[in-house]
């Protein structure tokens, strides 16, 4: 049990460092990094708080506290992935609408050029 919790602690610290480096290098926007930092901090906190983890495992009816941690981490990161899926879908729709507007503007610009050349 101790080894698994130490591995989870190491992974959470690594995730926090990766997110902070990515923000610093402008590879990820700050508003999107907050969800990752909160998730990694929750993982770090739960992997270090043995008593709280045992209480949560008892509440969930599990006898092995690290299994409860893995379940909670999985649920938190599924929510993060769902949120980003919504954001990506909205961005895709916005890109389609923007491409259509550009095409309409190019058509109108070409029409104006043709009219000016015909005069």
PDB file of N, CA and C in Angstrom:
ATOM      1  N   UNK A   1       0.828  -1.187   0.000  1.00  0.00           N
ATOM      2  CA  UNK A   1       0.000   0.000   0.000  1.00  0.00           C
ATOM      3  C   UNK A   1       0.879   1.260   0.000  1.00  0.00           C
ATOM      4  N   UNK A   2       1.886   1.257   0.819  1.00  0.00           N
ATOM      5  CA  UNK A   2       2.760   2.419   0.946  1.00  0.00           C
ATOM      6  C   UNK A   2       3.462   2.733  -0.371  1.00  0.00           C
ATOM      7  N   UNK A   3       3.913   1.715  -1.068  1.00  0.00           N
ATOM      8  CA  UNK A   3       4.633   1.918  -2.321  1.00  0.00           C
ATOM      9  C   UNK A   3       3.723   2.548  -3.375  1.00  0.00           C
ATOM     10  N   UNK A   4       2.496   2.040  -3.482  1.00  0.00           N
ATOM     11  CA  UNK A   4       1.556   2.581  -4.471  1.00  0.00           C
ATOM     12  C   UNK A   4       1.232   4.041  -4.177  1.00  0.00           C
ATOM     13  N   UNK A   5       1.037   4.371  -2.915  1.00  0.00           N
ATOM     14  CA  UNK A   5       0.749   5.758  -2.557  1.00  0.00           C
ATOM     15  C   UNK A   5       1.954   6.659  -2.831  1.00  0.00           C
ATOM     16  N   UNK A   6       3.156   6.145  -2.623  1.00  0.00           N
ATOM     17  CA  UNK A   6       4.352   6.932  -2.954  1.00  0.00           C
ATOM     18  C   UNK A   6       4.475   7.149  -4.458  1.00  0.00           C
ATOM     19  N   UNK A   7       4.123   6.137  -5.239  1.00  0.00           N
ATOM     20  CA  UNK A   7       4.138   6.286  -6.697  1.00  0.00           C
ATOM     21  C   UNK A   7       3.115   7.330  -7.124  1.00  0.00           C
ATOM     22  N   UNK A   8       1.937   7.291  -6.527  1.00  0.00           N
ATOM     23  CA  UNK A   8       0.900   8.283  -6.859  1.00  0.00           C
ATOM     24  C   UNK A   8       1.355   9.691  -6.476  1.00  0.00           C
ATOM     25  N   UNK A   9       2.058   9.815  -5.357  1.00  0.00           N
ATOM     26  CA  UNK A   9       2.594  11.116  -4.958  1.00  0.00           C
ATOM     27  C   UNK A   9       3.592  11.609  -5.999  1.00  0.00           C
ATOM     28  N   UNK A  10       4.494  10.731  -6.406  1.00  0.00           N
ATOM     29  CA  UNK A  10       5.481  11.110  -7.421  1.00  0.00           C
ATOM     30  C   UNK A  10       4.838  11.507  -8.737  1.00  0.00           C
ATOM     31  N   UNK A  11       3.827  10.756  -9.156  1.00  0.00           N
ATOM     32  CA  UNK A  11       3.138  11.079 -10.413  1.00  0.00           C
ATOM     33  C   UNK A  11       2.404  12.412 -10.324  1.00  0.00           C
ATOM     34  N   UNK A  12       1.810  12.687  -9.173  1.00  0.00           N
ATOM     35  CA  UNK A  12       1.100  13.967  -9.037  1.00  0.00           C
ATOM     36  C   UNK A  12       2.070  15.141  -9.054  1.00  0.00           C
ATOM     37  N   UNK A  13       3.223  14.986  -8.404  1.00  0.00           N
ATOM     38  CA  UNK A  13       4.229  16.050  -8.433  1.00  0.00           C
ATOM     39  C   UNK A  13       4.747  16.241  -9.866  1.00  0.00           C
ATOM     40  N   UNK A  14       4.980  15.141 -10.572  1.00  0.00           N
ATOM     41  CA  UNK A  14       5.422  15.218 -11.964  1.00  0.00           C
ATOM     42  C   UNK A  14       4.381  15.921 -12.841  1.00  0.00           C
ATOM     43  N   UNK A  15       3.109  15.606 -12.639  1.00  0.00           N
ATOM     44  CA  UNK A  15       2.042  16.259 -13.410  1.00  0.00           C
ATOM     45  C   UNK A  15       1.999  17.755 -13.121  1.00  0.00           C
ATOM     46  N   UNK A  16       2.137  18.126 -11.861  1.00  0.00           N
ATOM     47  CA  UNK A  16       2.135  19.549 -11.508  1.00  0.00           C
ATOM     48  C   UNK A  16       3.301  20.263 -12.196  1.00  0.00           C
ATOM     49  N   UNK A  17       4.481  19.659 -12.148  1.00  0.00           N
ATOM     50  CA  UNK A  17       5.647  20.267 -12.795  1.00  0.00           C
ATOM     51  C   UNK A  17       5.467  20.374 -14.302  1.00  0.00           C
ATOM     52  N   UNK A  18       4.923  19.339 -14.927  1.00  0.00           N
ATOM     53  CA  UNK A  18       4.698  19.374 -16.376  1.00  0.00           C
ATOM     54  C   UNK A  18       3.729  20.484 -16.760  1.00  0.00           C
ATOM     55  N   UNK A  19       2.665  20.642 -15.988  1.00  0.00           N
ATOM     56  CA  UNK A  19       1.677  21.680 -16.290  1.00  0.00           C
ATOM     57  C   UNK A  19       2.305  23.060 -16.113  1.00  0.00           C
ATOM     58  N   UNK A  20       3.056  23.251 -15.036  1.00  0.00           N
ATOM     59  CA  UNK A  20       3.675  24.557 -14.806  1.00  0.00           C
ATOM     60  C   UNK A  20       4.691  24.901 -15.886  1.00  0.00           C
ATOM     61  N   UNK A  21       5.476  23.926 -16.322  1.00  0.00           N
ATOM     62  CA  UNK A  21       6.432  24.170 -17.403  1.00  0.00           C
ATOM     63  C   UNK A  21       5.690  24.492 -18.697  1.00  0.00           C
ATOM     64  N   UNK A  22       4.599  23.784 -18.959  1.00  0.00           N
ATOM     65  CA  UNK A  22       3.816  24.044 -20.172  1.00  0.00           C
ATOM     66  C   UNK A  22       3.203  25.436 -20.154  1.00  0.00           C
ATOM     67  N   UNK A  23       2.737  25.878 -19.002  1.00  0.00           N
ATOM     68  CA  UNK A  23       2.191  27.236 -18.894  1.00  0.00           C
ATOM     69  C   UNK A  23       3.303  28.254 -19.118  1.00  0.00           C
ATOM     70  N   UNK A  24       4.450  28.002 -18.533  1.00  0.00           N
ATOM     71  CA  UNK A  24       5.576  28.926 -18.668  1.00  0.00           C
ATOM     72  C   UNK A  24       6.023  29.060 -20.119  1.00  0.00           C
ATOM     73  N   UNK A  25       6.008  27.962 -20.854  1.00  0.00           N
ATOM     74  CA  UNK A  25       6.420  27.983 -22.259  1.00  0.00           C
ATOM     75  C   UNK A  25       5.274  28.303 -23.203  1.00  0.00           C
ATOM     76  N   UNK A  26       4.123  28.628 -22.665  1.00  0.00           N
ATOM     77  CA  UNK A  26       2.924  29.005 -23.426  1.00  0.00           C
ATOM     78  C   UNK A  26       2.429  27.877 -24.322  1.00  0.00           C
ATOM     79  N   UNK A  27       2.563  26.648 -23.880  1.00  0.00           N
ATOM     80  CA  UNK A  27       2.028  25.516 -24.631  1.00  0.00           C
ATOM     81  C   UNK A  27       0.604  25.186 -24.216  1.00  0.00           C
ATOM     82  N   UNK A  28       0.209  25.664 -23.051  1.00  0.00           N
ATOM     83  CA  UNK A  28      -1.151  25.470 -22.563  1.00  0.00           C
ATOM     84  C   UNK A  28      -1.600  26.792 -21.957  1.00  0.00           C
ATOM     85  N   UNK A  29      -2.852  27.115 -22.170  1.00  0.00           N
ATOM     86  CA  UNK A  29      -3.385  28.369 -21.647  1.00  0.00           C
ATOM     87  C   UNK A  29      -3.635  28.228 -20.149  1.00  0.00           C
ATOM     88  N   UNK A  30      -3.518  29.323 -19.440  1.00  0.00           N
ATOM     89  CA  UNK A  30      -3.635  29.308 -17.990  1.00  0.00           C
ATOM     90  C   UNK A  30      -5.009  28.799 -17.552  1.00  0.00           C
ATOM     91  N   UNK A  31      -6.064  29.219 -18.232  1.00  0.00           N
ATOM     92  CA  UNK A  31      -7.406  28.799 -17.801  1.00  0.00           C
ATOM     93  C   UNK A  31      -7.620  27.294 -17.955  1.00  0.00           C
ATOM     94  N   UNK A  32      -6.908  26.665 -18.875  1.00  0.00           N
ATOM     95  CA  UNK A  32      -7.027  25.215 -19.029  1.00  0.00           C
ATOM     96  C   UNK A  32      -6.108  24.478 -18.059  1.00  0.00           C
ATOM     97  N   UNK A  33      -5.035  25.105 -17.650  1.00  0.00           N
ATOM     98  CA  UNK A  33      -4.108  24.447 -16.737  1.00  0.00           C
ATOM     99  C   UNK A  33      -4.665  24.343 -15.328  1.00  0.00           C
ATOM    100  N   UNK A  34      -5.619  25.195 -14.992  1.00  0.00           N
ATOM    101  CA  UNK A  34      -6.179  25.180 -13.641  1.00  0.00           C
ATOM    102  C   UNK A  34      -6.822  23.830 -13.330  1.00  0.00           C
ATOM    103  N   UNK A  35      -7.565  23.272 -14.274  1.00  0.00           N
ATOM    104  CA  UNK A  35      -8.212  21.981 -14.039  1.00  0.00           C
ATOM    105  C   UNK A  35      -7.174  20.895 -13.790  1.00  0.00           C
ATOM    106  N   UNK A  36      -6.086  20.909 -14.564  1.00  0.00           N
ATOM    107  CA  UNK A  36      -5.031  19.911 -14.362  1.00  0.00           C
ATOM    108  C   UNK A  36      -4.338  20.102 -13.025  1.00  0.00           C
ATOM    109  N   UNK A  37      -4.089  21.342 -12.657  1.00  0.00           N
ATOM    110  CA  UNK A  37      -3.426  21.601 -11.377  1.00  0.00           C
ATOM    111  C   UNK A  37      -4.305  21.202 -10.198  1.00  0.00           C
ATOM    112  N   UNK A  38      -5.596  21.467 -10.287  1.00  0.00           N
ATOM    113  CA  UNK A  38      -6.512  21.070  -9.210  1.00  0.00           C
ATOM    114  C   UNK A  38      -6.568  19.543  -9.101  1.00  0.00           C
ATOM    115  N   UNK A  39      -6.658  18.872 -10.237  1.00  0.00           N
ATOM    116  CA  UNK A  39      -6.685  17.407 -10.217  1.00  0.00           C
ATOM    117  C   UNK A  39      -5.408  16.815  -9.650  1.00  0.00           C
ATOM    118  N   UNK A  40      -4.264  17.365 -10.050  1.00  0.00           N
ATOM    119  CA  UNK A  40      -2.979  16.866  -9.548  1.00  0.00           C
ATOM    120  C   UNK A  40      -2.807  17.175  -8.065  1.00  0.00           C
ATOM    121  N   UNK A  41      -3.272  18.346  -7.635  1.00  0.00           N
ATOM    122  CA  UNK A  41      -3.185  18.693  -6.215  1.00  0.00           C
ATOM    123  C   UNK A  41      -4.085  17.785  -5.378  1.00  0.00           C
ATOM    124  N   UNK A  42      -5.266  17.462  -5.896  1.00  0.00           N
ATOM    125  CA  UNK A  42      -6.154  16.532  -5.183  1.00  0.00           C
ATOM    126  C   UNK A  42      -5.503  15.159  -5.068  1.00  0.00           C
ATOM    127  N   UNK A  43      -4.876  14.709  -6.143  1.00  0.00           N
ATOM    128  CA  UNK A  43      -4.166  13.436  -6.118  1.00  0.00           C
ATOM    129  C   UNK A  43      -3.027  13.478  -5.103  1.00  0.00           C
ATOM    130  N   UNK A  44      -2.286  14.555  -5.088  1.00  0.00           N
ATOM    131  CA  UNK A  44      -1.187  14.697  -4.146  1.00  0.00           C
ATOM    132  C   UNK A  44      -1.702  14.701  -2.704  1.00  0.00           C
ATOM    133  N   UNK A  45      -2.740  15.468  -2.455  1.00  0.00           N
ATOM    134  CA  UNK A  45      -3.290  15.542  -1.104  1.00  0.00           C
ATOM    135  C   UNK A  45      -3.833  14.209  -0.607  1.00  0.00           C
ATOM    136  N   UNK A  46      -4.574  13.531  -1.461  1.00  0.00           N
ATOM    137  CA  UNK A  46      -5.145  12.247  -1.047  1.00  0.00           C
ATOM    138  C   UNK A  46      -4.075  11.164  -0.886  1.00  0.00           C
ATOM    139  N   UNK A  47      -3.038  11.215  -1.692  1.00  0.00           N
ATOM    140  CA  UNK A  47      -1.995  10.195  -1.570  1.00  0.00           C
ATOM    141  C   UNK A  47      -1.159  10.391  -0.311  1.00  0.00           C
ATOM    142  N   UNK A  48      -1.158  11.588   0.247  1.00  0.00           N
ATOM    143  CA  UNK A  48      -0.412  11.865   1.478  1.00  0.00           C
ATOM    144  C   UNK A  48      -1.290  11.783   2.728  1.00  0.00           C
ATOM    145  N   UNK A  49      -2.585  11.955   2.621  1.00  0.00           N
ATOM    146  CA  UNK A  49      -3.496  11.945   3.776  1.00  0.00           C
ATOM    147  C   UNK A  49      -4.064  10.538   3.955  1.00  0.00           C
ATOM    148  N   UNK A  50      -3.307   9.698   4.630  1.00  0.00           N
ATOM    149  CA  UNK A  50      -3.700   8.290   4.784  1.00  0.00           C
ATOM    150  C   UNK A  50      -5.030   8.136   5.520  1.00  0.00           C
ATOM    151  N   UNK A  51      -5.236   8.919   6.582  1.00  0.00           N
ATOM    152  CA  UNK A  51      -6.470   8.819   7.366  1.00  0.00           C
ATOM    153  C   UNK A  51      -7.695   9.181   6.544  1.00  0.00           C
ATOM    154  N   UNK A  52      -7.598  10.269   5.791  1.00  0.00           N
ATOM    155  CA  UNK A  52      -8.698  10.695   4.930  1.00  0.00           C
ATOM    156  C   UNK A  52      -8.973   9.659   3.854  1.00  0.00           C
ATOM    157  N   UNK A  53      -7.910   9.095   3.310  1.00  0.00           N
ATOM    158  CA  UNK A  53      -8.058   8.079   2.270  1.00  0.00           C
ATOM    159  C   UNK A  53      -8.745   6.828   2.823  1.00  0.00           C
ATOM    160  N   UNK A  54      -8.391   6.432   4.058  1.00  0.00           N
ATOM    161  CA  UNK A  54      -9.058   5.283   4.688  1.00  0.00           C
ATOM    162  C   UNK A  54     -10.535   5.576   4.919  1.00  0.00           C
ATOM    163  N   UNK A  55     -10.848   6.801   5.331  1.00  0.00           N
ATOM    164  CA  UNK A  55     -12.251   7.182   5.560  1.00  0.00           C
ATOM    165  C   UNK A  55     -13.046   7.138   4.262  1.00  0.00           C
ATOM    166  N   UNK A  56     -12.446   7.628   3.195  1.00  0.00           N
ATOM    167  CA  UNK A  56     -13.123   7.608   1.896  1.00  0.00           C
ATOM    168  C   UNK A  56     -13.319   6.176   1.425  1.00  0.00           C
ATOM    169  N   UNK A  57     -12.294   5.333   1.623  1.00  0.00           N
ATOM    170  CA  UNK A  57     -12.412   3.923   1.233  1.00  0.00           C
ATOM    171  C   UNK A  57     -13.512   3.231   2.027  1.00  0.00           C
ATOM    172  N   UNK A  58     -13.601   3.522   3.315  1.00  0.00           N
ATOM    173  CA  UNK A  58     -14.672   2.943   4.126  1.00  0.00           C
ATOM    174  C   UNK A  58     -16.037   3.432   3.659  1.00  0.00           C
ATOM    175  N   UNK A  59     -16.114   4.708   3.330  1.00  0.00           N
ATOM    176  CA  UNK A  59     -17.369   5.285   2.845  1.00  0.00           C
ATOM    177  C   UNK A  59     -17.814   4.623   1.539  1.00  0.00           C
ATOM    178  N   UNK A  60     -16.844   4.304   0.682  1.00  0.00           N
ATOM    179  CA  UNK A  60     -17.143   3.665  -0.602  1.00  0.00           C
ATOM    180  C   UNK A  60     -17.279   2.146  -0.478  1.00  0.00           C
ATOM    181  N   UNK A  61     -16.992   1.604   0.702  1.00  0.00           N
ATOM    182  CA  UNK A  61     -17.096   0.168   0.914  1.00  0.00           C
ATOM    183  C   UNK A  61     -15.922  -0.616   0.366  1.00  0.00           C
ATOM    184  N   UNK A  62     -14.773   0.009   0.300  1.00  0.00           N
ATOM    185  CA  UNK A  62     -13.573  -0.646  -0.214  1.00  0.00           C
ATOM    186  C   UNK A  62     -12.633  -0.950   0.944  1.00  0.00           C
ATOM    187  N   UNK A  63     -11.950  -2.066   0.845  1.00  0.00           N
ATOM    188  CA  UNK A  63     -11.029  -2.449   1.916  1.00  0.00           C
ATOM    189  C   UNK A  63      -9.606  -1.998   1.652  1.00  0.00           C
ATOM    190  N   UNK A  64      -9.300  -1.625   0.418  1.00  0.00           N
ATOM    191  CA  UNK A  64      -7.947  -1.241   0.034  1.00  0.00           C
ATOM    192  C   UNK A  64      -7.944   0.244  -0.327  1.00  0.00           C
ATOM    193  N   UNK A  65      -7.439   1.120   0.549  1.00  0.00           N
ATOM    194  CA  UNK A  65      -7.494   2.567   0.315  1.00  0.00           C
ATOM    195  C   UNK A  65      -6.887   3.035  -1.008  1.00  0.00           C
ATOM    196  N   UNK A  66      -5.749   2.490  -1.479  1.00  0.00           N
ATOM    197  CA  UNK A  66      -5.242   2.964  -2.771  1.00  0.00           C
ATOM    198  C   UNK A  66      -6.206   2.711  -3.930  1.00  0.00           C
ATOM    199  N   UNK A  67      -7.034   1.674  -3.823  1.00  0.00           N
ATOM    200  CA  UNK A  67      -8.037   1.429  -4.858  1.00  0.00           C
ATOM    201  C   UNK A  67      -9.075   2.555  -4.869  1.00  0.00           C
ATOM    202  N   UNK A  68      -9.434   3.033  -3.690  1.00  0.00           N
ATOM    203  CA  UNK A  68     -10.359   4.173  -3.605  1.00  0.00           C
ATOM    204  C   UNK A  68      -9.722   5.419  -4.224  1.00  0.00           C
ATOM    205  N   UNK A  69      -8.414   5.589  -3.978  1.00  0.00           N
ATOM    206  CA  UNK A  69      -7.707   6.720  -4.577  1.00  0.00           C
ATOM    207  C   UNK A  69      -7.731   6.629  -6.095  1.00  0.00           C
ATOM    208  N   UNK A  70      -7.463   5.458  -6.621  1.00  0.00           N
ATOM    209  CA  UNK A  70      -7.474   5.276  -8.071  1.00  0.00           C
ATOM    210  C   UNK A  70      -8.869   5.556  -8.645  1.00  0.00           C
ATOM    211  N   UNK A  71      -9.909   5.117  -7.939  1.00  0.00           N
ATOM    212  CA  UNK A  71     -11.275   5.374  -8.391  1.00  0.00           C
ATOM    213  C   UNK A  71     -11.566   6.870  -8.416  1.00  0.00           C
ATOM    214  N   UNK A  72     -11.196   7.566  -7.370  1.00  0.00           N
ATOM    215  CA  UNK A  72     -11.434   9.014  -7.316  1.00  0.00           C
ATOM    216  C   UNK A  72     -10.638   9.756  -8.386  1.00  0.00           C
ATOM    217  N   UNK A  73      -9.383   9.362  -8.557  1.00  0.00           N
ATOM    218  CA  UNK A  73      -8.546  10.000  -9.576  1.00  0.00           C
ATOM    219  C   UNK A  73      -9.137   9.768 -10.967  1.00  0.00           C
ATOM    220  N   UNK A  74      -9.566   8.552 -11.219  1.00  0.00           N
ATOM    221  CA  UNK A  74     -10.178   8.244 -12.511  1.00  0.00           C
ATOM    222  C   UNK A  74     -11.411   9.094 -12.762  1.00  0.00           C
ATOM    223  N   UNK A  75     -12.246   9.254 -11.744  1.00  0.00           N
ATOM    224  CA  UNK A  75     -13.459  10.066 -11.894  1.00  0.00           C
ATOM    225  C   UNK A  75     -13.124  11.538 -12.134  1.00  0.00           C
ATOM    226  N   UNK A  76     -12.158  12.065 -11.388  1.00  0.00           N
ATOM    227  CA  UNK A  76     -11.779  13.473 -11.554  1.00  0.00           C
ATOM    228  C   UNK A  76     -11.234  13.721 -12.954  1.00  0.00           C
ATOM    229  N   UNK A  77     -10.355  12.837 -13.424  1.00  0.00           N
ATOM    230  CA  UNK A  77      -9.773  13.061 -14.737  1.00  0.00           C
ATOM    231  C   UNK A  77     -10.769  12.793 -15.866  1.00  0.00           C
ATOM    232  N   UNK A  78     -11.739  11.925 -15.645  1.00  0.00           N
ATOM    233  CA  UNK A  78     -12.807  11.776 -16.636  1.00  0.00           C
ATOM    234  C   UNK A  78     -13.601  13.068 -16.773  1.00  0.00           C
ATOM    235  N   UNK A  79     -13.864  13.729 -15.653  1.00  0.00           N
ATOM    236  CA  UNK A  79     -14.567  15.012 -15.704  1.00  0.00           C
ATOM    237  C   UNK A  79     -13.737  16.065 -16.433  1.00  0.00           C
ATOM    238  N   UNK A  80     -12.433  16.064 -16.187  1.00  0.00           N
ATOM    239  CA  UNK A  80     -11.558  17.014 -16.879  1.00  0.00           C
ATOM    240  C   UNK A  80     -11.570  16.740 -18.382  1.00  0.00           C
ATOM    241  N   UNK A  81     -11.460  15.472 -18.772  1.00  0.00           N
ATOM    242  CA  UNK A  81     -11.486  15.125 -20.198  1.00  0.00           C
ATOM    243  C   UNK A  81     -12.825  15.495 -20.833  1.00  0.00           C
ATOM    244  N   UNK A  82     -13.920  15.303 -20.111  1.00  0.00           N
ATOM    245  CA  UNK A  82     -15.238  15.668 -20.645  1.00  0.00           C
ATOM    246  C   UNK A  82     -15.312  17.175 -20.863  1.00  0.00           C
ATOM    247  N   UNK A  83     -14.820  17.943 -19.901  1.00  0.00           N
ATOM    248  CA  UNK A  83     -14.840  19.404 -20.027  1.00  0.00           C
ATOM    249  C   UNK A  83     -14.042  19.846 -21.258  1.00  0.00           C
ATOM    250  N   UNK A  84     -12.874  19.242 -21.463  1.00  0.00           N
ATOM    251  CA  UNK A  84     -12.072  19.614 -22.618  1.00  0.00           C
ATOM    252  C   UNK A  84     -12.700  19.148 -23.924  1.00  0.00           C
ATOM    253  N   UNK A  85     -13.432  18.059 -23.893  1.00  0.00           N
ATOM    254  CA  UNK A  85     -14.158  17.624 -25.093  1.00  0.00           C
ATOM    255  C   UNK A  85     -15.212  18.651 -25.478  1.00  0.00           C
ATOM    256  N   UNK A  86     -15.892  19.207 -24.491  1.00  0.00           N
ATOM    257  CA  UNK A  86     -16.873  20.262 -24.764  1.00  0.00           C
ATOM    258  C   UNK A  86     -16.192  21.499 -25.354  1.00  0.00           C
ATOM    259  N   UNK A  87     -15.058  21.868 -24.800  1.00  0.00           N
ATOM    260  CA  UNK A  87     -14.334  23.038 -25.295  1.00  0.00           C
ATOM    261  C   UNK A  87     -13.868  22.813 -26.728  1.00  0.00           C
ATOM    262  N   UNK A  88     -13.326  21.638 -27.016  1.00  0.00           N
ATOM    263  CA  UNK A  88     -12.848  21.330 -28.367  1.00  0.00           C
ATOM    264  C   UNK A  88     -14.006  21.335 -29.360  1.00  0.00           C
ATOM    265  N   UNK A  89     -15.151  20.782 -28.962  1.00  0.00           N
ATOM    266  CA  UNK A  89     -16.315  20.772 -29.852  1.00  0.00           C
ATOM    267  C   UNK A  89     -16.772  22.187 -30.168  1.00  0.00           C
ATOM    268  N   UNK A  90     -16.782  23.057 -29.159  1.00  0.00           N
ATOM    269  CA  UNK A  90     -17.185  24.447 -29.379  1.00  0.00           C
ATOM    270  C   UNK A  90     -16.195  25.153 -30.307  1.00  0.00           C
ATOM    271  N   UNK A  91     -14.910  24.892 -30.106  1.00  0.00           N
ATOM    272  CA  UNK A  91     -13.896  25.507 -30.971  1.00  0.00           C
ATOM    273  C   UNK A  91     -14.032  25.033 -32.414  1.00  0.00           C
ATOM    274  N   UNK A  92     -14.365  23.764 -32.603  1.00  0.00           N
ATOM    275  CA  UNK A  92     -14.553  23.251 -33.960  1.00  0.00           C
ATOM    276  C   UNK A  92     -15.727  23.950 -34.638  1.00  0.00           C
ATOM    277  N   UNK A  93     -16.830  24.103 -33.902  1.00  0.00           N
ATOM    278  CA  UNK A  93     -17.991  24.800 -34.459  1.00  0.00           C
ATOM    279  C   UNK A  93     -17.653  26.250 -34.784  1.00  0.00           C
ATOM    280  N   UNK A  94     -16.898  26.903 -33.900  1.00  0.00           N
ATOM    281  CA  UNK A  94     -16.495  28.289 -34.140  1.00  0.00           C
ATOM    282  C   UNK A  94     -15.597  28.401 -35.371  1.00  0.00           C
ATOM    283  N   UNK A  95     -14.698  27.434 -35.570  1.00  0.00           N
ATOM    284  CA  UNK A  95     -13.814  27.447 -36.745  1.00  0.00           C
ATOM    285  C   UNK A  95     -14.605  27.275 -38.032  1.00  0.00           C
ATOM    286  N   UNK A  96     -15.612  26.413 -38.013  1.00  0.00           N
ATOM    287  CA  UNK A  96     -16.454  26.219 -39.203  1.00  0.00           C
ATOM    288  C   UNK A  96     -17.186  27.512 -39.541  1.00  0.00           C
ATOM    289  N   UNK A  97     -17.761  28.147 -38.517  1.00  0.00           N
ATOM    290  CA  UNK A  97     -18.481  29.405 -38.747  1.00  0.00           C
ATOM    291  C   UNK A  97     -17.534  30.487 -39.255  1.00  0.00           C
ATOM    292  N   UNK A  98     -16.338  30.542 -38.721  1.00  0.00           N
ATOM    293  CA  UNK A  98     -15.359  31.538 -39.159  1.00  0.00           C
ATOM    294  C   UNK A  98     -14.926  31.291 -40.609  1.00  0.00           C
ATOM    295  N   UNK A  99     -14.721  30.045 -40.977  1.00  0.00           N
ATOM    296  CA  UNK A  99     -14.343  29.725 -42.365  1.00  0.00           C
ATOM    297  C   UNK A  99     -15.461  30.114 -43.329  1.00  0.00           C
ATOM    298  N   UNK A 100     -16.703  29.909 -42.922  1.00  0.00           N
ATOM    299  CA  UNK A 100     -17.827  30.296 -43.772  1.00  0.00           C
ATOM    300  C   UNK A 100     -17.877  31.817 -43.938  1.00  0.00           C
ATOM    301  N   UNK A 101     -17.637  32.556 -42.870  1.00  0.00           N
ATOM    302  CA  UNK A 101     -17.642  34.016 -42.954  1.00  0.00           C
ATOM    303  C   UNK A 101     -16.516  34.521 -43.859  1.00  0.00           C
ATOM    304  N   UNK A 102     -15.356  33.922 -43.768  1.00  0.00           N
ATOM    305  CA  UNK A 102     -14.237  34.310 -44.621  1.00  0.00           C
ATOM    306  C   UNK A 102     -14.577  34.043 -46.080  1.00  0.00           C
ATOM    307  N   UNK A 103     -15.200  32.901 -46.354  1.00  0.00           N
ATOM    308  CA  UNK A 103     -15.578  32.574 -47.733  1.00  0.00           C
ATOM    309  C   UNK A 103     -16.589  33.586 -48.268  1.00  0.00           C
ATOM    310  N   UNK A 104     -17.543  33.974 -47.449  1.00  0.00           N
ATOM    311  CA  UNK A 104     -18.543  34.967 -47.874  1.00  0.00           C
ATOM    312  C   UNK A 104     -17.854  36.314 -48.155  1.00  0.00           C
ATOM    313  N   UNK A 105     -16.939  36.718 -47.271  1.00  0.00           N
ATOM    314  CA  UNK A 105     -16.224  37.983 -47.478  1.00  0.00           C
ATOM    315  C   UNK A 105     -15.374  37.940 -48.740  1.00  0.00           C
ATOM    316  N   UNK A 106     -14.705  36.824 -48.997  1.00  0.00           N
ATOM    317  CA  UNK A 106     -13.917  36.703 -50.227  1.00  0.00           C
ATOM    318  C   UNK A 106     -14.812  36.778 -51.461  1.00  0.00           C
ATOM    319  N   UNK A 107     -15.991  36.177 -51.391  1.00  0.00           N
ATOM    320  CA  UNK A 107     -16.926  36.236 -52.515  1.00  0.00           C
ATOM    321  C   UNK A 107     -17.359  37.678 -52.767  1.00  0.00           C
ATOM    322  N   UNK A 108     -17.707  38.398 -51.693  1.00  0.00           N
ATOM    323  CA  UNK A 108     -18.131  39.784 -51.851  1.00  0.00           C
ATOM    324  C   UNK A 108     -16.979  40.655 -52.366  1.00  0.00           C
ATOM    325  N   UNK A 109     -15.791  40.415 -51.898  1.00  0.00           N
ATOM    326  CA  UNK A 109     -14.631  41.173 -52.360  1.00  0.00           C
ATOM    327  C   UNK A 109     -14.376  40.923 -53.849  1.00  0.00           C
ATOM    328  N   UNK A 110     -14.479  39.674 -54.275  1.00  0.00           N
ATOM    329  CA  UNK A 110     -14.288  39.344 -55.683  1.00  0.00           C
ATOM    330  C   UNK A 110     -15.385  39.984 -56.536  1.00  0.00           C
ATOM    331  N   UNK A 111     -16.614  39.996 -56.024  1.00  0.00           N
ATOM    332  CA  UNK A 111     -17.729  40.620 -56.742  1.00  0.00           C
ATOM    333  C   UNK A 111     -17.483  42.114 -56.923  1.00  0.00           C
ATOM    334  N   UNK A 112     -17.003  42.765 -55.858  1.00  0.00           N
ATOM    335  CA  UNK A 112     -16.704  44.204 -55.945  1.00  0.00           C
ATOM    336  C   UNK A 112     -15.570  44.474 -56.935  1.00  0.00           C
ATOM    337  N   UNK A 113     -14.546  43.595 -56.962  1.00  0.00           N
ATOM    338  CA  UNK A 113     -13.471  43.756 -57.906  1.00  0.00           C
ATOM    339  C   UNK A 113     -13.961  43.602 -59.337  1.00  0.00           C
ATOM    340  N   UNK A 114     -14.835  42.638 -59.564  1.00  0.00           N
ATOM    341  CA  UNK A 114     -15.380  42.403 -60.910  1.00  0.00           C
ATOM    342  C   UNK A 114     -16.222  43.598 -61.358  1.00  0.00           C
ATOM    343  N   UNK A 115     -16.997  44.144 -60.444  1.00  0.00           N
ATOM    344  CA  UNK A 115     -17.825  45.308 -60.781  1.00  0.00           C
ATOM    345  C   UNK A 115     -16.947  46.533 -61.087  1.00  0.00           C
ATOM    346  N   UNK A 116     -15.879  46.693 -60.338  1.00  0.00           N
ATOM    347  CA  UNK A 116     -14.980  47.828 -60.573  1.00  0.00           C
ATOM    348  C   UNK A 116     -14.249  47.677 -61.909  1.00  0.00           C
ATOM    349  N   UNK A 117     -13.923  46.457 -62.262  1.00  0.00           N
ATOM    350  CA  UNK A 117     -13.223  46.219 -63.531  1.00  0.00           C
ATOM    351  C   UNK A 117     -14.172  46.411 -64.709  1.00  0.00           C
ATOM    352  N   UNK A 118     -15.454  46.164 -64.522  1.00  0.00           N
ATOM    353  CA  UNK A 118     -16.453  46.297 -65.596  1.00  0.00           C
ATOM    354  C   UNK A 118     -16.855  47.739 -65.866  1.00  0.00           C
ATOM    355  N   UNK A 119     -16.593  48.648 -64.949  1.00  0.00           N
ATOM    356  CA  UNK A 119     -17.006  50.051 -65.155  1.00  0.00           C
ATOM    357  C   UNK A 119     -16.117  50.815 -66.043  1.00  0.00           C
TER     358      UNK A 119
END
